[in-house]
Amino acid sequence: MTTANVPHEELSWHKSSYSGSGGGECVEVAHAASTVHIRDSKERRGPVLSVAPTPWAAFIESVAR
């Protein structure tokens, strides 16, 4: 897991369908070929956490239970 200085404009970011329209505490995710990028939706120019797809899928699966 690393933080990366990713060109934000080149990624297609998506919020969770559970994110409210009021702003709240949300994350956005962008999938690239070999990396999943995660950022705070309120700090779009802030740091980006980058992980491999397999650990990300395991994390999402564990959270969904």
N, C-alpha and C. Protein backbone atom coordinates (compact mmCIF):
# COMPACT_ATOMS: atom_id res chain seq x y z
N MET A 1 0.84 -1.16 0.00
CA MET A 1 0.00 0.00 0.00
C MET A 1 0.89 1.23 0.00
N THR A 2 0.59 2.16 -0.87
CA THR A 2 1.40 3.37 -0.95
C THR A 2 0.50 4.57 -1.16
N THR A 3 1.04 5.74 -0.87
CA THR A 3 0.37 6.96 -1.29
C THR A 3 1.09 7.43 -2.53
N ALA A 4 0.35 8.00 -3.45
CA ALA A 4 0.95 8.36 -4.72
C ALA A 4 0.49 9.74 -5.14
N ASN A 5 1.34 10.40 -5.89
CA ASN A 5 0.98 11.66 -6.52
C ASN A 5 0.43 11.31 -7.90
N VAL A 6 -0.84 11.01 -7.97
CA VAL A 6 -1.49 10.53 -9.19
C VAL A 6 -2.07 11.71 -9.95
N PRO A 7 -1.92 11.73 -11.29
CA PRO A 7 -2.58 12.80 -12.06
C PRO A 7 -4.10 12.63 -11.94
N HIS A 8 -4.71 13.37 -11.04
CA HIS A 8 -6.13 13.23 -10.74
C HIS A 8 -7.03 13.34 -11.96
N GLU A 9 -6.68 14.19 -12.89
CA GLU A 9 -7.52 14.44 -14.05
C GLU A 9 -7.57 13.24 -14.99
N GLU A 10 -6.60 12.35 -14.92
CA GLU A 10 -6.53 11.22 -15.85
C GLU A 10 -7.30 10.00 -15.36
N LEU A 11 -7.84 10.04 -14.15
CA LEU A 11 -8.55 8.90 -13.60
C LEU A 11 -10.05 9.17 -13.57
N SER A 12 -10.83 8.13 -13.65
CA SER A 12 -12.29 8.24 -13.56
C SER A 12 -12.69 7.86 -12.13
N TRP A 13 -13.02 8.85 -11.33
CA TRP A 13 -13.32 8.66 -9.91
C TRP A 13 -14.80 8.38 -9.71
N HIS A 14 -15.11 7.49 -8.73
CA HIS A 14 -16.49 7.13 -8.43
C HIS A 14 -16.71 7.15 -6.93
N LYS A 15 -17.85 7.71 -6.50
CA LYS A 15 -18.25 7.67 -5.09
C LYS A 15 -19.16 6.47 -4.88
N SER A 16 -19.21 6.02 -3.66
CA SER A 16 -20.12 4.95 -3.28
C SER A 16 -21.56 5.40 -3.48
N SER A 17 -22.42 4.46 -3.81
CA SER A 17 -23.84 4.78 -3.93
C SER A 17 -24.43 5.11 -2.56
N TYR A 18 -23.70 4.79 -1.49
CA TYR A 18 -24.14 5.11 -0.14
C TYR A 18 -23.77 6.54 0.27
N SER A 19 -23.02 7.24 -0.55
CA SER A 19 -22.62 8.61 -0.25
C SER A 19 -23.83 9.53 -0.38
N GLY A 20 -24.05 10.31 0.63
CA GLY A 20 -25.16 11.25 0.60
C GLY A 20 -24.84 12.49 -0.21
N SER A 21 -25.85 13.23 -0.58
CA SER A 21 -25.64 14.45 -1.36
C SER A 21 -25.15 15.59 -0.48
N GLY A 22 -25.18 15.41 0.84
CA GLY A 22 -24.78 16.47 1.76
C GLY A 22 -23.28 16.59 1.96
N GLY A 23 -22.47 15.80 1.29
CA GLY A 23 -21.02 15.92 1.42
C GLY A 23 -20.43 14.88 2.34
N GLY A 24 -20.87 14.83 3.57
CA GLY A 24 -20.46 13.81 4.53
C GLY A 24 -19.04 13.33 4.42
N GLU A 25 -18.77 12.22 5.04
CA GLU A 25 -17.45 11.61 5.01
C GLU A 25 -17.44 10.51 3.97
N CYS A 26 -16.92 10.81 2.80
CA CYS A 26 -16.96 9.88 1.68
C CYS A 26 -15.57 9.67 1.09
N VAL A 27 -15.41 8.53 0.47
CA VAL A 27 -14.21 8.28 -0.30
C VAL A 27 -14.60 8.10 -1.76
N GLU A 28 -13.65 8.33 -2.62
CA GLU A 28 -13.81 8.08 -4.05
C GLU A 28 -12.77 7.06 -4.46
N VAL A 29 -13.12 6.26 -5.44
CA VAL A 29 -12.24 5.19 -5.91
C VAL A 29 -12.09 5.31 -7.42
N ALA A 30 -10.87 5.07 -7.91
CA ALA A 30 -10.60 5.03 -9.34
C ALA A 30 -9.83 3.75 -9.63
N HIS A 31 -10.31 2.98 -10.59
CA HIS A 31 -9.65 1.73 -10.96
C HIS A 31 -8.76 1.97 -12.17
N ALA A 32 -7.51 1.57 -12.06
CA ALA A 32 -6.57 1.62 -13.18
C ALA A 32 -6.19 0.18 -13.51
N ALA A 33 -5.36 -0.02 -14.50
CA ALA A 33 -5.01 -1.37 -14.97
C ALA A 33 -4.52 -2.28 -13.85
N SER A 34 -3.60 -1.82 -13.04
CA SER A 34 -3.03 -2.69 -12.01
C SER A 34 -3.09 -2.08 -10.61
N THR A 35 -3.88 -1.02 -10.45
CA THR A 35 -3.92 -0.31 -9.17
C THR A 35 -5.32 0.24 -8.92
N VAL A 36 -5.71 0.25 -7.67
CA VAL A 36 -6.94 0.92 -7.25
C VAL A 36 -6.51 2.14 -6.44
N HIS A 37 -7.03 3.30 -6.80
CA HIS A 37 -6.68 4.55 -6.13
C HIS A 37 -7.87 4.99 -5.27
N ILE A 38 -7.57 5.44 -4.05
CA ILE A 38 -8.61 5.87 -3.10
C ILE A 38 -8.24 7.25 -2.59
N ARG A 39 -9.24 8.13 -2.52
CA ARG A 39 -9.00 9.48 -1.99
C ARG A 39 -10.21 9.96 -1.20
N ASP A 40 -10.00 10.99 -0.41
CA ASP A 40 -11.06 11.66 0.35
C ASP A 40 -11.82 12.55 -0.63
N SER A 41 -13.13 12.39 -0.70
CA SER A 41 -13.91 13.17 -1.66
C SER A 41 -13.92 14.66 -1.34
N LYS A 42 -13.62 15.02 -0.10
CA LYS A 42 -13.58 16.44 0.27
C LYS A 42 -12.22 17.08 -0.01
N GLU A 43 -11.19 16.25 -0.23
CA GLU A 43 -9.82 16.73 -0.47
C GLU A 43 -9.31 16.16 -1.78
N ARG A 44 -9.96 16.49 -2.85
CA ARG A 44 -9.65 15.87 -4.14
C ARG A 44 -8.23 16.11 -4.63
N ARG A 45 -7.60 17.15 -4.17
CA ARG A 45 -6.21 17.42 -4.55
C ARG A 45 -5.24 16.88 -3.50
N GLY A 46 -5.77 16.23 -2.48
CA GLY A 46 -4.95 15.69 -1.39
C GLY A 46 -4.31 14.37 -1.77
N PRO A 47 -3.77 13.68 -0.79
CA PRO A 47 -3.07 12.41 -1.04
C PRO A 47 -4.01 11.34 -1.57
N VAL A 48 -3.44 10.42 -2.31
CA VAL A 48 -4.16 9.28 -2.87
C VAL A 48 -3.50 8.01 -2.37
N LEU A 49 -4.30 7.10 -1.86
CA LEU A 49 -3.83 5.80 -1.42
C LEU A 49 -3.97 4.85 -2.61
N SER A 50 -2.92 4.12 -2.93
CA SER A 50 -2.92 3.21 -4.07
C SER A 50 -2.65 1.79 -3.59
N VAL A 51 -3.51 0.85 -4.00
CA VAL A 51 -3.37 -0.55 -3.61
C VAL A 51 -3.58 -1.44 -4.83
N ALA A 52 -3.09 -2.66 -4.74
CA ALA A 52 -3.30 -3.64 -5.80
C ALA A 52 -4.77 -4.10 -5.76
N PRO A 53 -5.32 -4.54 -6.89
CA PRO A 53 -6.72 -4.94 -6.93
C PRO A 53 -7.09 -6.09 -6.00
N THR A 54 -6.22 -7.08 -5.83
CA THR A 54 -6.56 -8.24 -5.00
C THR A 54 -6.77 -7.86 -3.53
N PRO A 55 -5.87 -7.12 -2.89
CA PRO A 55 -6.13 -6.71 -1.50
C PRO A 55 -7.35 -5.80 -1.38
N TRP A 56 -7.58 -4.96 -2.38
CA TRP A 56 -8.76 -4.07 -2.36
C TRP A 56 -10.03 -4.91 -2.40
N ALA A 57 -10.08 -5.90 -3.26
CA ALA A 57 -11.26 -6.78 -3.35
C ALA A 57 -11.48 -7.51 -2.03
N ALA A 58 -10.41 -7.97 -1.39
CA ALA A 58 -10.54 -8.65 -0.09
C ALA A 58 -11.06 -7.69 0.97
N PHE A 59 -10.59 -6.45 0.95
CA PHE A 59 -11.08 -5.44 1.89
C PHE A 59 -12.57 -5.19 1.69
N ILE A 60 -12.98 -4.97 0.45
CA ILE A 60 -14.40 -4.71 0.15
C ILE A 60 -15.26 -5.90 0.57
N GLU A 61 -14.79 -7.10 0.30
CA GLU A 61 -15.53 -8.29 0.70
C GLU A 61 -15.70 -8.37 2.21
N SER A 62 -14.65 -8.06 2.96
CA SER A 62 -14.73 -8.12 4.43
C SER A 62 -15.64 -7.03 4.99
N VAL A 63 -15.67 -5.88 4.38
CA VAL A 63 -16.53 -4.79 4.82
C VAL A 63 -17.99 -5.10 4.53
N ALA A 64 -18.23 -5.77 3.43
CA ALA A 64 -19.60 -6.08 3.02
C ALA A 64 -20.28 -7.11 3.93
N ARG A 65 -19.50 -7.88 4.65
CA ARG A 65 -20.09 -8.92 5.53
C ARG A 65 -20.77 -8.33 6.72
